[in-house]
Amino acid sequence: MEKYEDKFRMAELDCNEPKNQNICEEFGIKSFPTLIYFLEGYPEDVFQGPRETKEDLAKEHERVMKKIVPETKITKIETVADYEEFVKKNSKVILAALREPVNASKAWKAFKTASDMHAHHNKKDPRQFAYTTDKDVVAAISKAYEAKVKVPQLLSIFGGKIAQASIPRRQYANYQTVGYWIAEAG
């Protein structure tokens, strides 16, 4: 369960408490434990029923998390040759040009979260997600795009051509704005 801890928050509710009974009735809680998974404020999956062991509950949790928060594969582009091969192989690409250290970047966190959410809601979307921190790759993209690619920047690349440059840079830390851009860039 720890690998998902940055993706969800857990709350406990005692349905035996009179003050909680309205909530328990609203969500149809009839047995314990009941786990209700919410995504973007709406119930997405429910687990009600017995569990023999803590491991049983962990397996159920793993099943639900994979279902509602899929891990989007985001390919790291390390060289110009990698970039050229990736866009040749994939006709629709959403690429993030980022700085190192990637994991510390607010733009990376927003891009990763938005990509995961997009994958959940658009399971048949053929777009592939990638990122690069390589200056030569950014320079090659700039040359092909005939415009300076600034880092960080998000790009949609369709058929090997830059189709749409990204949202204003000040909005990169907001996963919802990045998500809207991803949806519109398709």
C-alpha atoms as a PDB file:
ATOM      1  CA  MET A   1       0.000   0.000   0.000  1.00  0.00           C
ATOM      2  CA  GLU A   2       2.923   2.351   0.628  1.00  0.00           C
ATOM      3  CA  LYS A   3       3.678   2.721  -3.090  1.00  0.00           C
ATOM      4  CA  TYR A   4       0.338   4.503  -3.544  1.00  0.00           C
ATOM      5  CA  GLU A   5       0.575   6.782  -0.519  1.00  0.00           C
ATOM      6  CA  ASP A   6       1.250   9.880  -2.637  1.00  0.00           C
ATOM      7  CA  LYS A   7      -1.820   9.070  -4.756  1.00  0.00           C
ATOM      8  CA  PHE A   8      -4.528   8.850  -2.112  1.00  0.00           C
ATOM      9  CA  ARG A   9      -5.580   9.806   1.377  1.00  0.00           C
ATOM     10  CA  MET A  10      -7.320   7.433   3.747  1.00  0.00           C
ATOM     11  CA  ALA A  11     -10.000   8.346   6.270  1.00  0.00           C
ATOM     12  CA  GLU A  12     -11.780   6.211   8.821  1.00  0.00           C
ATOM     13  CA  LEU A  13     -15.431   6.515   9.745  1.00  0.00           C
ATOM     14  CA  ASP A  14     -17.181   4.665  12.582  1.00  0.00           C
ATOM     15  CA  CYS A  15     -20.706   3.842  11.416  1.00  0.00           C
ATOM     16  CA  ASN A  16     -21.712   2.928  14.968  1.00  0.00           C
ATOM     17  CA  GLU A  17     -21.451   6.588  15.940  1.00  0.00           C
ATOM     18  CA  PRO A  18     -24.834   8.333  15.619  1.00  0.00           C
ATOM     19  CA  LYS A  19     -23.248  11.433  14.074  1.00  0.00           C
ATOM     20  CA  ASN A  20     -21.901   9.316  11.149  1.00  0.00           C
ATOM     21  CA  GLN A  21     -25.074   7.340  10.363  1.00  0.00           C
ATOM     22  CA  ASN A  22     -26.282   9.709   7.611  1.00  0.00           C
ATOM     23  CA  ILE A  23     -22.984   9.323   5.745  1.00  0.00           C
ATOM     24  CA  CYS A  24     -23.025   5.540   6.176  1.00  0.00           C
ATOM     25  CA  GLU A  25     -26.592   5.388   4.825  1.00  0.00           C
ATOM     26  CA  GLU A  26     -25.751   7.682   1.918  1.00  0.00           C
ATOM     27  CA  PHE A  27     -22.974   5.351   0.768  1.00  0.00           C
ATOM     28  CA  GLY A  28     -24.828   2.112   1.582  1.00  0.00           C
ATOM     29  CA  ILE A  29     -22.316   0.842   4.118  1.00  0.00           C
ATOM     30  CA  LYS A  30     -23.738  -2.402   5.484  1.00  0.00           C
ATOM     31  CA  SER A  31     -20.696  -4.484   6.375  1.00  0.00           C
ATOM     32  CA  PHE A  32     -17.277  -3.938   7.807  1.00  0.00           C
ATOM     33  CA  PRO A  33     -14.751  -3.269   6.561  1.00  0.00           C
ATOM     34  CA  THR A  34     -16.057  -1.177   3.689  1.00  0.00           C
ATOM     35  CA  LEU A  35     -13.560   0.698   1.584  1.00  0.00           C
ATOM     36  CA  ILE A  36     -14.877   3.385  -0.739  1.00  0.00           C
ATOM     37  CA  TYR A  37     -12.372   4.747  -3.228  1.00  0.00           C
ATOM     38  CA  PHE A  38     -13.017   8.270  -4.484  1.00  0.00           C
ATOM     39  CA  LEU A  39     -11.455   9.782  -7.566  1.00  0.00           C
ATOM     40  CA  GLU A  40     -11.858  13.520  -8.108  1.00  0.00           C
ATOM     41  CA  GLY A  41     -14.521  13.593  -5.381  1.00  0.00           C
ATOM     42  CA  TYR A  42     -16.709  10.795  -6.746  1.00  0.00           C
ATOM     43  CA  PRO A  43     -16.953   7.174  -5.549  1.00  0.00           C
ATOM     44  CA  GLU A  44     -15.051   5.076  -8.060  1.00  0.00           C
ATOM     45  CA  ASP A  45     -14.978   1.612  -6.481  1.00  0.00           C
ATOM     46  CA  VAL A  46     -16.302  -0.069  -3.339  1.00  0.00           C
ATOM     47  CA  PHE A  47     -15.035  -3.066  -1.412  1.00  0.00           C
ATOM     48  CA  GLN A  48     -17.405  -4.483   1.195  1.00  0.00           C
ATOM     49  CA  GLY A  49     -16.936  -7.708   2.926  1.00  0.00           C
ATOM     50  CA  PRO A  50     -14.944  -9.993   5.065  1.00  0.00           C
ATOM     51  CA  ARG A  51     -11.230 -10.331   5.056  1.00  0.00           C
ATOM     52  CA  GLU A  52      -9.330 -13.216   6.478  1.00  0.00           C
ATOM     53  CA  THR A  53      -6.000 -11.481   6.830  1.00  0.00           C
ATOM     54  CA  LYS A  54      -4.368  -8.104   6.442  1.00  0.00           C
ATOM     55  CA  GLU A  55      -2.805  -9.464   3.239  1.00  0.00           C
ATOM     56  CA  ASP A  56      -6.283 -10.098   1.771  1.00  0.00           C
ATOM     57  CA  LEU A  57      -7.157  -6.462   2.310  1.00  0.00           C
ATOM     58  CA  ALA A  58      -3.818  -5.386   0.815  1.00  0.00           C
ATOM     59  CA  LYS A  59      -4.524  -7.488  -2.337  1.00  0.00           C
ATOM     60  CA  GLU A  60      -7.962  -5.911  -2.712  1.00  0.00           C
ATOM     61  CA  HIS A  61      -6.454  -2.474  -2.268  1.00  0.00           C
ATOM     62  CA  GLU A  62      -3.819  -3.218  -4.914  1.00  0.00           C
ATOM     63  CA  ARG A  63      -6.517  -4.382  -7.367  1.00  0.00           C
ATOM     64  CA  VAL A  64      -8.572  -1.229  -6.913  1.00  0.00           C
ATOM     65  CA  MET A  65      -5.596   1.130  -7.077  1.00  0.00           C
ATOM     66  CA  LYS A  66      -4.440  -0.401 -10.363  1.00  0.00           C
ATOM     67  CA  LYS A  67      -7.949   0.037 -11.694  1.00  0.00           C
ATOM     68  CA  ILE A  68      -8.544   3.636 -10.672  1.00  0.00           C
ATOM     69  CA  VAL A  69      -5.004   5.061 -10.712  1.00  0.00           C
ATOM     70  CA  PRO A  70      -3.209   3.354 -13.583  1.00  0.00           C
ATOM     71  CA  GLU A  71       0.495   3.905 -13.880  1.00  0.00           C
ATOM     72  CA  THR A  72       1.081   5.754 -17.106  1.00  0.00           C
ATOM     73  CA  LYS A  73       4.244   4.751 -18.873  1.00  0.00           C
ATOM     74  CA  ILE A  74       6.310   7.877 -19.394  1.00  0.00           C
ATOM     75  CA  THR A  75       9.380   7.185 -21.520  1.00  0.00           C
ATOM     76  CA  LYS A  76      12.611   9.022 -20.818  1.00  0.00           C
ATOM     77  CA  ILE A  77      14.169  10.354 -24.022  1.00  0.00           C
ATOM     78  CA  GLU A  78      17.931  10.522 -23.503  1.00  0.00           C
ATOM     79  CA  THR A  79      19.344  11.177 -26.972  1.00  0.00           C
ATOM     80  CA  VAL A  80      18.323  12.751 -30.262  1.00  0.00           C
ATOM     81  CA  ALA A  81      18.279   9.243 -31.781  1.00  0.00           C
ATOM     82  CA  ASP A  82      15.888   8.099 -28.990  1.00  0.00           C
ATOM     83  CA  TYR A  83      13.640  11.078 -29.748  1.00  0.00           C
ATOM     84  CA  GLU A  84      13.598  10.449 -33.491  1.00  0.00           C
ATOM     85  CA  GLU A  85      12.854   6.750 -33.016  1.00  0.00           C
ATOM     86  CA  PHE A  86      10.126   7.439 -30.437  1.00  0.00           C
ATOM     87  CA  VAL A  87       8.209   9.957 -32.594  1.00  0.00           C
ATOM     88  CA  LYS A  88       8.626   7.725 -35.653  1.00  0.00           C
ATOM     89  CA  LYS A  89       7.228   4.720 -33.755  1.00  0.00           C
ATOM     90  CA  ASN A  90       4.419   6.675 -32.034  1.00  0.00           C
ATOM     91  CA  SER A  91       2.252   8.937 -34.165  1.00  0.00           C
ATOM     92  CA  LYS A  92       0.925  10.881 -31.151  1.00  0.00           C
ATOM     93  CA  VAL A  93       3.286  12.000 -28.396  1.00  0.00           C
ATOM     94  CA  ILE A  94       2.966  14.339 -25.442  1.00  0.00           C
ATOM     95  CA  LEU A  95       6.490  15.385 -24.439  1.00  0.00           C
ATOM     96  CA  ALA A  96       7.691  17.327 -21.423  1.00  0.00           C
ATOM     97  CA  ALA A  97      11.029  19.122 -21.680  1.00  0.00           C
ATOM     98  CA  LEU A  98      12.262  19.331 -18.083  1.00  0.00           C
ATOM     99  CA  ARG A  99      15.314  20.093 -15.944  1.00  0.00           C
ATOM    100  CA  GLU A 100      17.109  17.762 -13.580  1.00  0.00           C
ATOM    101  CA  PRO A 101      16.400  16.693 -10.913  1.00  0.00           C
ATOM    102  CA  VAL A 102      13.112  15.652 -12.476  1.00  0.00           C
ATOM    103  CA  ASN A 103      11.572  14.208  -9.288  1.00  0.00           C
ATOM    104  CA  ALA A 104      11.960  17.562  -7.506  1.00  0.00           C
ATOM    105  CA  SER A 105      10.231  19.463 -10.302  1.00  0.00           C
ATOM    106  CA  LYS A 106       6.689  20.756  -9.763  1.00  0.00           C
ATOM    107  CA  ALA A 107       6.215  20.567 -13.533  1.00  0.00           C
ATOM    108  CA  TRP A 108       7.130  16.838 -13.480  1.00  0.00           C
ATOM    109  CA  LYS A 109       4.716  16.117 -10.629  1.00  0.00           C
ATOM    110  CA  ALA A 110       1.886  17.920 -12.440  1.00  0.00           C
ATOM    111  CA  PHE A 111       2.734  16.170 -15.740  1.00  0.00           C
ATOM    112  CA  LYS A 112       2.865  12.734 -14.065  1.00  0.00           C
ATOM    113  CA  THR A 113      -0.409  13.251 -12.184  1.00  0.00           C
ATOM    114  CA  ALA A 114      -2.194  14.664 -15.243  1.00  0.00           C
ATOM    115  CA  SER A 115      -0.898  11.771 -17.387  1.00  0.00           C
ATOM    116  CA  ASP A 116      -2.178   9.215 -14.860  1.00  0.00           C
ATOM    117  CA  MET A 117      -5.575  10.908 -14.663  1.00  0.00           C
ATOM    118  CA  HIS A 118      -5.774  11.153 -18.457  1.00  0.00           C
ATOM    119  CA  ALA A 119      -4.942   7.448 -18.798  1.00  0.00           C
ATOM    120  CA  HIS A 120      -7.701   6.599 -16.312  1.00  0.00           C
ATOM    121  CA  HIS A 121     -10.365   8.545 -18.172  1.00  0.00           C
ATOM    122  CA  ASN A 122      -9.150   7.801 -21.722  1.00  0.00           C
ATOM    123  CA  LYS A 123      -8.078   4.166 -21.709  1.00  0.00           C
ATOM    124  CA  LYS A 124      -8.057   3.880 -25.523  1.00  0.00           C
ATOM    125  CA  ASP A 125      -6.133   7.091 -26.192  1.00  0.00           C
ATOM    126  CA  PRO A 126      -3.175   6.198 -28.445  1.00  0.00           C
ATOM    127  CA  ARG A 127      -0.960   9.046 -27.238  1.00  0.00           C
ATOM    128  CA  GLN A 128       2.340   8.139 -25.668  1.00  0.00           C
ATOM    129  CA  PHE A 129       3.923  10.211 -22.910  1.00  0.00           C
ATOM    130  CA  ALA A 130       7.619  11.055 -22.741  1.00  0.00           C
ATOM    131  CA  TYR A 131      10.034  13.503 -21.175  1.00  0.00           C
ATOM    132  CA  THR A 132      13.557  14.677 -21.753  1.00  0.00           C
ATOM    133  CA  THR A 133      16.159  16.618 -19.838  1.00  0.00           C
ATOM    134  CA  ASP A 134      18.765  16.390 -22.587  1.00  0.00           C
ATOM    135  CA  LYS A 135      19.843  19.747 -24.063  1.00  0.00           C
ATOM    136  CA  ASP A 136      20.641  18.211 -27.458  1.00  0.00           C
ATOM    137  CA  VAL A 137      17.126  16.755 -27.691  1.00  0.00           C
ATOM    138  CA  VAL A 138      15.612  20.129 -26.779  1.00  0.00           C
ATOM    139  CA  ALA A 139      17.820  21.815 -29.401  1.00  0.00           C
ATOM    140  CA  ALA A 140      16.749  19.275 -32.063  1.00  0.00           C
ATOM    141  CA  ILE A 141      13.087  19.846 -31.214  1.00  0.00           C
ATOM    142  CA  SER A 142      13.625  23.625 -31.349  1.00  0.00           C
ATOM    143  CA  LYS A 143      15.217  23.309 -34.781  1.00  0.00           C
ATOM    144  CA  ALA A 144      12.407  21.092 -36.110  1.00  0.00           C
ATOM    145  CA  TYR A 145       9.762  23.329 -34.560  1.00  0.00           C
ATOM    146  CA  GLU A 146      11.514  26.471 -35.851  1.00  0.00           C
ATOM    147  CA  ALA A 147      10.958  28.082 -32.481  1.00  0.00           C
ATOM    148  CA  LYS A 148      12.822  28.053 -29.211  1.00  0.00           C
ATOM    149  CA  VAL A 149      11.658  25.322 -26.851  1.00  0.00           C
ATOM    150  CA  LYS A 150      11.987  26.639 -23.333  1.00  0.00           C
ATOM    151  CA  VAL A 151      12.499  24.360 -20.375  1.00  0.00           C
ATOM    152  CA  PRO A 152      10.128  23.444 -18.846  1.00  0.00           C
ATOM    153  CA  GLN A 153       7.734  23.117 -21.744  1.00  0.00           C
ATOM    154  CA  LEU A 154       5.050  20.661 -22.833  1.00  0.00           C
ATOM    155  CA  LEU A 155       4.656  19.754 -26.494  1.00  0.00           C
ATOM    156  CA  SER A 156       2.219  17.654 -28.491  1.00  0.00           C
ATOM    157  CA  ILE A 157       3.950  15.949 -31.390  1.00  0.00           C
ATOM    158  CA  PHE A 158       1.744  14.321 -34.005  1.00  0.00           C
ATOM    159  CA  GLY A 159       3.187  12.569 -37.013  1.00  0.00           C
ATOM    160  CA  GLY A 160       6.652  13.794 -36.091  1.00  0.00           C
ATOM    161  CA  LYS A 161       5.611  17.467 -36.145  1.00  0.00           C
ATOM    162  CA  ILE A 162       4.978  19.806 -33.247  1.00  0.00           C
ATOM    163  CA  ALA A 163       1.210  20.266 -33.251  1.00  0.00           C
ATOM    164  CA  GLN A 164       0.790  22.486 -30.242  1.00  0.00           C
ATOM    165  CA  ALA A 165       3.112  24.204 -27.813  1.00  0.00           C
ATOM    166  CA  SER A 166       2.131  24.271 -24.221  1.00  0.00           C
ATOM    167  CA  ILE A 167       0.304  26.297 -21.641  1.00  0.00           C
ATOM    168  CA  PRO A 168       1.912  29.314 -19.981  1.00  0.00           C
ATOM    169  CA  ARG A 169       4.899  28.249 -17.890  1.00  0.00           C
ATOM    170  CA  ARG A 170       3.495  29.655 -14.655  1.00  0.00           C
ATOM    171  CA  GLN A 171       0.743  27.015 -14.849  1.00  0.00           C
ATOM    172  CA  TYR A 172       2.999  23.939 -15.031  1.00  0.00           C
ATOM    173  CA  ALA A 173       2.700  23.193 -11.312  1.00  0.00           C
ATOM    174  CA  ASN A 174      -1.079  22.763 -11.580  1.00  0.00           C
ATOM    175  CA  TYR A 175      -1.931  19.191 -12.618  1.00  0.00           C
ATOM    176  CA  GLN A 176      -5.515  20.176 -13.506  1.00  0.00           C
ATOM    177  CA  THR A 177      -4.351  22.820 -15.974  1.00  0.00           C
ATOM    178  CA  VAL A 178      -1.817  20.368 -17.426  1.00  0.00           C
ATOM    179  CA  GLY A 179      -4.591  17.773 -17.667  1.00  0.00           C
ATOM    180  CA  TYR A 180      -6.881  20.179 -19.540  1.00  0.00           C
ATOM    181  CA  TRP A 181      -4.027  20.980 -21.905  1.00  0.00           C
ATOM    182  CA  ILE A 182      -3.375  17.261 -22.521  1.00  0.00           C
ATOM    183  CA  ALA A 183      -7.068  16.741 -23.290  1.00  0.00           C
ATOM    184  CA  GLU A 184      -7.165  19.715 -25.662  1.00  0.00           C
ATOM    185  CA  ALA A 185      -3.876  18.801 -27.341  1.00  0.00           C
ATOM    186  CA  GLY A 186      -5.314  15.540 -28.609  1.00  0.00           C
END
